[in-house]
Amino acid sequence: MRTTQLFQEWTSSNIVAYAVGALPDLLEVEPNNDKRRGPTITLPRVMNGRIDHPGDWDVFRFRAQAGNKIVAEVQARS
């Protein structure tokens, strides 16, 4: 995880965290709250979601085969 901050004369912005990687990126498109209708993605991939309001879900679907391992890493802010 990296951070950046902008400076101008006597003021500065908030510090913003971001990640850089080699995997393709996918930004969620609302509505994607229904587990039966979430977008189907191809792995490996980075999924970017945002919880916009209480009760909001971000659902993504993918194909898997029995016996294969899938590793998921979640990076989140409160």
PDB file of N, CA and C in Angstrom:
ATOM      1  N   MET A   1       0.856  -1.171   0.000  1.00  0.00           N
ATOM      2  CA  MET A   1       0.000   0.000   0.000  1.00  0.00           C
ATOM      3  C   MET A   1       0.904   1.236   0.000  1.00  0.00           C
ATOM      4  N   ARG A   2       0.572   2.173  -0.819  1.00  0.00           N
ATOM      5  CA  ARG A   2       1.316   3.429  -0.894  1.00  0.00           C
ATOM      6  C   ARG A   2       0.397   4.576  -0.536  1.00  0.00           C
ATOM      7  N   THR A   3       0.983   5.727  -0.229  1.00  0.00           N
ATOM      8  CA  THR A   3       0.185   6.913   0.071  1.00  0.00           C
ATOM      9  C   THR A   3       0.729   8.099  -0.704  1.00  0.00           C
ATOM     10  N   THR A   4      -0.127   9.079  -0.885  1.00  0.00           N
ATOM     11  CA  THR A   4       0.296  10.317  -1.523  1.00  0.00           C
ATOM     12  C   THR A   4      -0.428  11.478  -0.872  1.00  0.00           C
ATOM     13  N   GLN A   5       0.146  12.655  -1.009  1.00  0.00           N
ATOM     14  CA  GLN A   5      -0.433  13.863  -0.453  1.00  0.00           C
ATOM     15  C   GLN A   5       0.002  15.023  -1.335  1.00  0.00           C
ATOM     16  N   LEU A   6      -0.901  15.932  -1.604  1.00  0.00           N
ATOM     17  CA  LEU A   6      -0.582  17.093  -2.427  1.00  0.00           C
ATOM     18  C   LEU A   6      -0.300  18.294  -1.545  1.00  0.00           C
ATOM     19  N   PHE A   7       0.695  19.088  -1.942  1.00  0.00           N
ATOM     20  CA  PHE A   7       1.071  20.290  -1.195  1.00  0.00           C
ATOM     21  C   PHE A   7       0.995  21.500  -2.105  1.00  0.00           C
ATOM     22  N   GLN A   8       0.513  22.620  -1.566  1.00  0.00           N
ATOM     23  CA  GLN A   8       0.479  23.875  -2.312  1.00  0.00           C
ATOM     24  C   GLN A   8       0.657  25.016  -1.316  1.00  0.00           C
ATOM     25  N   GLU A   9       1.733  25.735  -1.464  1.00  0.00           N
ATOM     26  CA  GLU A   9       2.103  26.846  -0.581  1.00  0.00           C
ATOM     27  C   GLU A   9       1.915  26.473   0.887  1.00  0.00           C
ATOM     28  N   TRP A  10       0.881  26.978   1.559  1.00  0.00           N
ATOM     29  CA  TRP A  10       0.706  26.757   2.996  1.00  0.00           C
ATOM     30  C   TRP A  10      -0.378  25.741   3.330  1.00  0.00           C
ATOM     31  N   THR A  11      -0.791  24.970   2.363  1.00  0.00           N
ATOM     32  CA  THR A  11      -1.855  24.006   2.625  1.00  0.00           C
ATOM     33  C   THR A  11      -1.505  22.653   1.999  1.00  0.00           C
ATOM     34  N   SER A  12      -2.197  21.629   2.437  1.00  0.00           N
ATOM     35  CA  SER A  12      -1.976  20.292   1.868  1.00  0.00           C
ATOM     36  C   SER A  12      -3.288  19.509   1.876  1.00  0.00           C
ATOM     37  N   SER A  13      -3.338  18.477   1.069  1.00  0.00           N
ATOM     38  CA  SER A  13      -4.518  17.617   1.013  1.00  0.00           C
ATOM     39  C   SER A  13      -4.435  16.541   2.091  1.00  0.00           C
ATOM     40  N   ASN A  14      -5.520  15.784   2.236  1.00  0.00           N
ATOM     41  CA  ASN A  14      -5.500  14.597   3.087  1.00  0.00           C
ATOM     42  C   ASN A  14      -4.555  13.574   2.466  1.00  0.00           C
ATOM     43  N   ILE A  15      -4.051  12.671   3.267  1.00  0.00           N
ATOM     44  CA  ILE A  15      -3.233  11.574   2.754  1.00  0.00           C
ATOM     45  C   ILE A  15      -4.164  10.532   2.153  1.00  0.00           C
ATOM     46  N   VAL A  16      -3.877  10.096   0.934  1.00  0.00           N
ATOM     47  CA  VAL A  16      -4.704   9.128   0.227  1.00  0.00           C
ATOM     48  C   VAL A  16      -3.888   7.855   0.006  1.00  0.00           C
ATOM     49  N   ALA A  17      -4.458   6.716   0.399  1.00  0.00           N
ATOM     50  CA  ALA A  17      -3.793   5.428   0.211  1.00  0.00           C
ATOM     51  C   ALA A  17      -4.218   4.821  -1.121  1.00  0.00           C
ATOM     52  N   TYR A  18      -3.285   4.134  -1.780  1.00  0.00           N
ATOM     53  CA  TYR A  18      -3.596   3.441  -3.027  1.00  0.00           C
ATOM     54  C   TYR A  18      -2.665   2.257  -3.178  1.00  0.00           C
ATOM     55  N   ALA A  19      -3.069   1.312  -4.012  1.00  0.00           N
ATOM     56  CA  ALA A  19      -2.269   0.114  -4.252  1.00  0.00           C
ATOM     57  C   ALA A  19      -1.917   0.039  -5.727  1.00  0.00           C
ATOM     58  N   VAL A  20      -0.756  -0.508  -6.019  1.00  0.00           N
ATOM     59  CA  VAL A  20      -0.292  -0.697  -7.392  1.00  0.00           C
ATOM     60  C   VAL A  20       0.017  -2.175  -7.562  1.00  0.00           C
ATOM     61  N   GLY A  21      -0.465  -2.751  -8.660  1.00  0.00           N
ATOM     62  CA  GLY A  21      -0.223  -4.171  -8.891  1.00  0.00           C
ATOM     63  C   GLY A  21      -0.276  -4.497 -10.365  1.00  0.00           C
ATOM     64  N   ALA A  22      -0.030  -5.760 -10.684  1.00  0.00           N
ATOM     65  CA  ALA A  22       0.032  -6.195 -12.074  1.00  0.00           C
ATOM     66  C   ALA A  22      -1.266  -6.850 -12.557  1.00  0.00           C
ATOM     67  N   LEU A  23      -2.208  -7.111 -11.672  1.00  0.00           N
ATOM     68  CA  LEU A  23      -3.450  -7.777 -12.069  1.00  0.00           C
ATOM     69  C   LEU A  23      -4.428  -6.789 -12.695  1.00  0.00           C
ATOM     70  N   PRO A  24      -5.308  -7.263 -13.591  1.00  0.00           N
ATOM     71  CA  PRO A  24      -6.327  -6.379 -14.151  1.00  0.00           C
ATOM     72  C   PRO A  24      -7.288  -5.907 -13.063  1.00  0.00           C
ATOM     73  N   ASP A  25      -7.787  -4.707 -13.209  1.00  0.00           N
ATOM     74  CA  ASP A  25      -8.664  -4.044 -12.245  1.00  0.00           C
ATOM     75  C   ASP A  25     -10.109  -4.077 -12.718  1.00  0.00           C
ATOM     76  N   LEU A  26     -11.045  -4.172 -11.782  1.00  0.00           N
ATOM     77  CA  LEU A  26     -12.457  -4.081 -12.104  1.00  0.00           C
ATOM     78  C   LEU A  26     -13.121  -3.193 -11.059  1.00  0.00           C
ATOM     79  N   LEU A  27     -13.813  -2.157 -11.503  1.00  0.00           N
ATOM     80  CA  LEU A  27     -14.547  -1.265 -10.616  1.00  0.00           C
ATOM     81  C   LEU A  27     -16.006  -1.696 -10.614  1.00  0.00           C
ATOM     82  N   GLU A  28     -16.591  -1.830  -9.444  1.00  0.00           N
ATOM     83  CA  GLU A  28     -17.983  -2.258  -9.351  1.00  0.00           C
ATOM     84  C   GLU A  28     -18.913  -1.256 -10.032  1.00  0.00           C
ATOM     85  N   VAL A  29     -20.034  -1.776 -10.497  1.00  0.00           N
ATOM     86  CA  VAL A  29     -21.083  -0.944 -11.077  1.00  0.00           C
ATOM     87  C   VAL A  29     -22.372  -1.297 -10.353  1.00  0.00           C
ATOM     88  N   GLU A  30     -22.987  -0.298  -9.726  1.00  0.00           N
ATOM     89  CA  GLU A  30     -24.246  -0.527  -9.014  1.00  0.00           C
ATOM     90  C   GLU A  30     -25.388  -0.648 -10.013  1.00  0.00           C
ATOM     91  N   PRO A  31     -26.429  -1.388  -9.721  1.00  0.00           N
ATOM     92  CA  PRO A  31     -26.588  -2.194  -8.514  1.00  0.00           C
ATOM     93  C   PRO A  31     -25.914  -3.559  -8.670  1.00  0.00           C
ATOM     94  N   ASN A  32     -25.190  -3.977  -7.671  1.00  0.00           N
ATOM     95  CA  ASN A  32     -24.611  -5.323  -7.642  1.00  0.00           C
ATOM     96  C   ASN A  32     -24.746  -5.904  -6.238  1.00  0.00           C
ATOM     97  N   ASN A  33     -25.946  -5.774  -5.681  1.00  0.00           N
ATOM     98  CA  ASN A  33     -26.231  -6.219  -4.317  1.00  0.00           C
ATOM     99  C   ASN A  33     -26.849  -7.609  -4.258  1.00  0.00           C
ATOM    100  N   ASP A  34     -27.272  -8.159  -5.387  1.00  0.00           N
ATOM    101  CA  ASP A  34     -27.978  -9.442  -5.413  1.00  0.00           C
ATOM    102  C   ASP A  34     -26.998 -10.560  -5.767  1.00  0.00           C
ATOM    103  N   LYS A  35     -26.828 -11.526  -4.875  1.00  0.00           N
ATOM    104  CA  LYS A  35     -25.843 -12.585  -5.114  1.00  0.00           C
ATOM    105  C   LYS A  35     -26.177 -13.436  -6.332  1.00  0.00           C
ATOM    106  N   ARG A  36     -27.419 -13.405  -6.802  1.00  0.00           N
ATOM    107  CA  ARG A  36     -27.793 -14.153  -8.005  1.00  0.00           C
ATOM    108  C   ARG A  36     -27.505 -13.360  -9.280  1.00  0.00           C
ATOM    109  N   ARG A  37     -27.233 -12.055  -9.154  1.00  0.00           N
ATOM    110  CA  ARG A  37     -27.053 -11.214 -10.337  1.00  0.00           C
ATOM    111  C   ARG A  37     -25.745 -10.431 -10.350  1.00  0.00           C
ATOM    112  N   GLY A  38     -24.859 -10.713  -9.425  1.00  0.00           N
ATOM    113  CA  GLY A  38     -23.569 -10.022  -9.409  1.00  0.00           C
ATOM    114  C   GLY A  38     -22.809 -10.301 -10.693  1.00  0.00           C
ATOM    115  N   PRO A  39     -21.934  -9.400 -11.110  1.00  0.00           N
ATOM    116  CA  PRO A  39     -21.186  -9.622 -12.349  1.00  0.00           C
ATOM    117  C   PRO A  39     -20.263 -10.833 -12.228  1.00  0.00           C
ATOM    118  N   THR A  40     -20.166 -11.614 -13.298  1.00  0.00           N
ATOM    119  CA  THR A  40     -19.268 -12.763 -13.329  1.00  0.00           C
ATOM    120  C   THR A  40     -17.902 -12.287 -13.796  1.00  0.00           C
ATOM    121  N   ILE A  41     -16.874 -12.584 -13.028  1.00  0.00           N
ATOM    122  CA  ILE A  41     -15.519 -12.127 -13.336  1.00  0.00           C
ATOM    123  C   ILE A  41     -14.623 -13.319 -13.636  1.00  0.00           C
ATOM    124  N   THR A  42     -13.507 -13.048 -14.280  1.00  0.00           N
ATOM    125  CA  THR A  42     -12.482 -14.042 -14.552  1.00  0.00           C
ATOM    126  C   THR A  42     -11.322 -13.793 -13.606  1.00  0.00           C
ATOM    127  N   LEU A  43     -10.865 -14.842 -12.939  1.00  0.00           N
ATOM    128  CA  LEU A  43      -9.735 -14.726 -12.012  1.00  0.00           C
ATOM    129  C   LEU A  43      -8.431 -15.001 -12.737  1.00  0.00           C
ATOM    130  N   PRO A  44      -7.290 -14.477 -12.332  1.00  0.00           N
ATOM    131  CA  PRO A  44      -7.097 -13.563 -11.211  1.00  0.00           C
ATOM    132  C   PRO A  44      -7.479 -12.134 -11.604  1.00  0.00           C
ATOM    133  N   ARG A  45      -7.924 -11.375 -10.641  1.00  0.00           N
ATOM    134  CA  ARG A  45      -8.387 -10.010 -10.878  1.00  0.00           C
ATOM    135  C   ARG A  45      -8.464  -9.273  -9.552  1.00  0.00           C
ATOM    136  N   VAL A  46      -8.360  -7.962  -9.609  1.00  0.00           N
ATOM    137  CA  VAL A  46      -8.585  -7.096  -8.454  1.00  0.00           C
ATOM    138  C   VAL A  46      -9.974  -6.500  -8.603  1.00  0.00           C
ATOM    139  N   MET A  47     -10.824  -6.684  -7.599  1.00  0.00           N
ATOM    140  CA  MET A  47     -12.155  -6.100  -7.607  1.00  0.00           C
ATOM    141  C   MET A  47     -12.169  -4.915  -6.658  1.00  0.00           C
ATOM    142  N   ASN A  48     -12.681  -3.798  -7.145  1.00  0.00           N
ATOM    143  CA  ASN A  48     -12.791  -2.588  -6.331  1.00  0.00           C
ATOM    144  C   ASN A  48     -14.259  -2.300  -6.085  1.00  0.00           C
ATOM    145  N   GLY A  49     -14.638  -2.266  -4.818  1.00  0.00           N
ATOM    146  CA  GLY A  49     -16.022  -1.978  -4.460  1.00  0.00           C
ATOM    147  C   GLY A  49     -16.080  -0.875  -3.434  1.00  0.00           C
ATOM    148  N   ARG A  50     -17.289  -0.393  -3.219  1.00  0.00           N
ATOM    149  CA  ARG A  50     -17.488   0.679  -2.243  1.00  0.00           C
ATOM    150  C   ARG A  50     -18.833   0.457  -1.565  1.00  0.00           C
ATOM    151  N   ILE A  51     -18.833   0.475  -0.249  1.00  0.00           N
ATOM    152  CA  ILE A  51     -20.073   0.374   0.508  1.00  0.00           C
ATOM    153  C   ILE A  51     -20.602   1.795   0.648  1.00  0.00           C
ATOM    154  N   ASP A  52     -21.673   2.092  -0.110  1.00  0.00           N
ATOM    155  CA  ASP A  52     -22.184   3.467  -0.194  1.00  0.00           C
ATOM    156  C   ASP A  52     -23.145   3.844   0.927  1.00  0.00           C
ATOM    157  N   HIS A  53     -23.834   2.865   1.495  1.00  0.00           N
ATOM    158  CA  HIS A  53     -24.833   3.157   2.523  1.00  0.00           C
ATOM    159  C   HIS A  53     -25.027   1.917   3.380  1.00  0.00           C
ATOM    160  N   PRO A  54     -25.596   2.057   4.564  1.00  0.00           N
ATOM    161  CA  PRO A  54     -25.831   0.889   5.411  1.00  0.00           C
ATOM    162  C   PRO A  54     -26.646  -0.167   4.663  1.00  0.00           C
ATOM    163  N   GLY A  55     -26.217  -1.410   4.732  1.00  0.00           N
ATOM    164  CA  GLY A  55     -26.904  -2.496   4.065  1.00  0.00           C
ATOM    165  C   GLY A  55     -26.444  -2.738   2.635  1.00  0.00           C
ATOM    166  N   ASP A  56     -25.551  -1.889   2.107  1.00  0.00           N
ATOM    167  CA  ASP A  56     -25.037  -2.061   0.744  1.00  0.00           C
ATOM    168  C   ASP A  56     -24.092  -3.249   0.707  1.00  0.00           C
ATOM    169  N   TRP A  57     -24.191  -4.056  -0.332  1.00  0.00           N
ATOM    170  CA  TRP A  57     -23.307  -5.190  -0.578  1.00  0.00           C
ATOM    171  C   TRP A  57     -22.635  -4.984  -1.913  1.00  0.00           C
ATOM    172  N   ASP A  58     -21.467  -5.532  -2.096  1.00  0.00           N
ATOM    173  CA  ASP A  58     -20.816  -5.588  -3.396  1.00  0.00           C
ATOM    174  C   ASP A  58     -20.583  -7.057  -3.705  1.00  0.00           C
ATOM    175  N   VAL A  59     -21.283  -7.574  -4.700  1.00  0.00           N
ATOM    176  CA  VAL A  59     -21.277  -8.997  -5.028  1.00  0.00           C
ATOM    177  C   VAL A  59     -20.570  -9.209  -6.360  1.00  0.00           C
ATOM    178  N   PHE A  60     -19.645 -10.169  -6.388  1.00  0.00           N
ATOM    179  CA  PHE A  60     -18.955 -10.588  -7.608  1.00  0.00           C
ATOM    180  C   PHE A  60     -19.031 -12.102  -7.670  1.00  0.00           C
ATOM    181  N   ARG A  61     -19.195 -12.662  -8.862  1.00  0.00           N
ATOM    182  CA  ARG A  61     -19.263 -14.110  -9.036  1.00  0.00           C
ATOM    183  C   ARG A  61     -18.091 -14.557  -9.899  1.00  0.00           C
ATOM    184  N   PHE A  62     -17.652 -15.805  -9.695  1.00  0.00           N
ATOM    185  CA  PHE A  62     -16.581 -16.367 -10.519  1.00  0.00           C
ATOM    186  C   PHE A  62     -16.759 -17.876 -10.584  1.00  0.00           C
ATOM    187  N   ARG A  63     -16.192 -18.476 -11.622  1.00  0.00           N
ATOM    188  CA  ARG A  63     -16.249 -19.933 -11.778  1.00  0.00           C
ATOM    189  C   ARG A  63     -15.079 -20.553 -11.015  1.00  0.00           C
ATOM    190  N   ALA A  64     -15.342 -21.696 -10.404  1.00  0.00           N
ATOM    191  CA  ALA A  64     -14.304 -22.414  -9.662  1.00  0.00           C
ATOM    192  C   ALA A  64     -14.500 -23.907  -9.856  1.00  0.00           C
ATOM    193  N   GLN A  65     -13.433 -24.662  -9.624  1.00  0.00           N
ATOM    194  CA  GLN A  65     -13.501 -26.112  -9.710  1.00  0.00           C
ATOM    195  C   GLN A  65     -13.118 -26.703  -8.361  1.00  0.00           C
ATOM    196  N   ALA A  66     -13.773 -27.787  -8.015  1.00  0.00           N
ATOM    197  CA  ALA A  66     -13.463 -28.478  -6.768  1.00  0.00           C
ATOM    198  C   ALA A  66     -11.983 -28.859  -6.759  1.00  0.00           C
ATOM    199  N   GLY A  67     -11.331 -28.624  -5.628  1.00  0.00           N
ATOM    200  CA  GLY A  67      -9.924 -28.969  -5.480  1.00  0.00           C
ATOM    201  C   GLY A  67      -8.975 -27.822  -5.764  1.00  0.00           C
ATOM    202  N   ASN A  68      -9.423 -26.794  -6.492  1.00  0.00           N
ATOM    203  CA  ASN A  68      -8.574 -25.624  -6.744  1.00  0.00           C
ATOM    204  C   ASN A  68      -8.606 -24.693  -5.538  1.00  0.00           C
ATOM    205  N   LYS A  69      -7.492 -24.039  -5.269  1.00  0.00           N
ATOM    206  CA  LYS A  69      -7.428 -23.095  -4.158  1.00  0.00           C
ATOM    207  C   LYS A  69      -7.624 -21.677  -4.688  1.00  0.00           C
ATOM    208  N   ILE A  70      -8.383 -20.901  -3.945  1.00  0.00           N
ATOM    209  CA  ILE A  70      -8.610 -19.487  -4.259  1.00  0.00           C
ATOM    210  C   ILE A  70      -8.182 -18.697  -3.045  1.00  0.00           C
ATOM    211  N   VAL A  71      -7.347 -17.703  -3.257  1.00  0.00           N
ATOM    212  CA  VAL A  71      -6.891 -16.850  -2.173  1.00  0.00           C
ATOM    213  C   VAL A  71      -7.530 -15.479  -2.350  1.00  0.00           C
ATOM    214  N   ALA A  72      -8.182 -14.994  -1.334  1.00  0.00           N
ATOM    215  CA  ALA A  72      -8.818 -13.669  -1.367  1.00  0.00           C
ATOM    216  C   ALA A  72      -8.201 -12.800  -0.284  1.00  0.00           C
ATOM    217  N   GLU A  73      -7.839 -11.602  -0.641  1.00  0.00           N
ATOM    218  CA  GLU A  73      -7.287 -10.636   0.316  1.00  0.00           C
ATOM    219  C   GLU A  73      -8.158  -9.389   0.273  1.00  0.00           C
ATOM    220  N   VAL A  74      -8.599  -8.952   1.427  1.00  0.00           N
ATOM    221  CA  VAL A  74      -9.464  -7.770   1.512  1.00  0.00           C
ATOM    222  C   VAL A  74      -8.681  -6.636   2.165  1.00  0.00           C
ATOM    223  N   GLN A  75      -8.671  -5.491   1.494  1.00  0.00           N
ATOM    224  CA  GLN A  75      -8.094  -4.289   2.066  1.00  0.00           C
ATOM    225  C   GLN A  75      -9.236  -3.292   2.180  1.00  0.00           C
ATOM    226  N   ALA A  76      -9.518  -2.826   3.387  1.00  0.00           N
ATOM    227  CA  ALA A  76     -10.684  -1.986   3.599  1.00  0.00           C
ATOM    228  C   ALA A  76     -10.382  -0.880   4.607  1.00  0.00           C
ATOM    229  N   ARG A  77     -11.154   0.161   4.494  1.00  0.00           N
ATOM    230  CA  ARG A  77     -11.129   1.272   5.453  1.00  0.00           C
ATOM    231  C   ARG A  77     -12.495   1.380   6.105  1.00  0.00           C
ATOM    232  N   SER A  78     -12.530   1.821   7.332  1.00  0.00           N
ATOM    233  CA  SER A  78     -13.836   2.025   7.963  1.00  0.00           C
ATOM    234  C   SER A  78     -14.262   3.456   7.756  1.00  0.00           C
TER     235      SER A  78
END
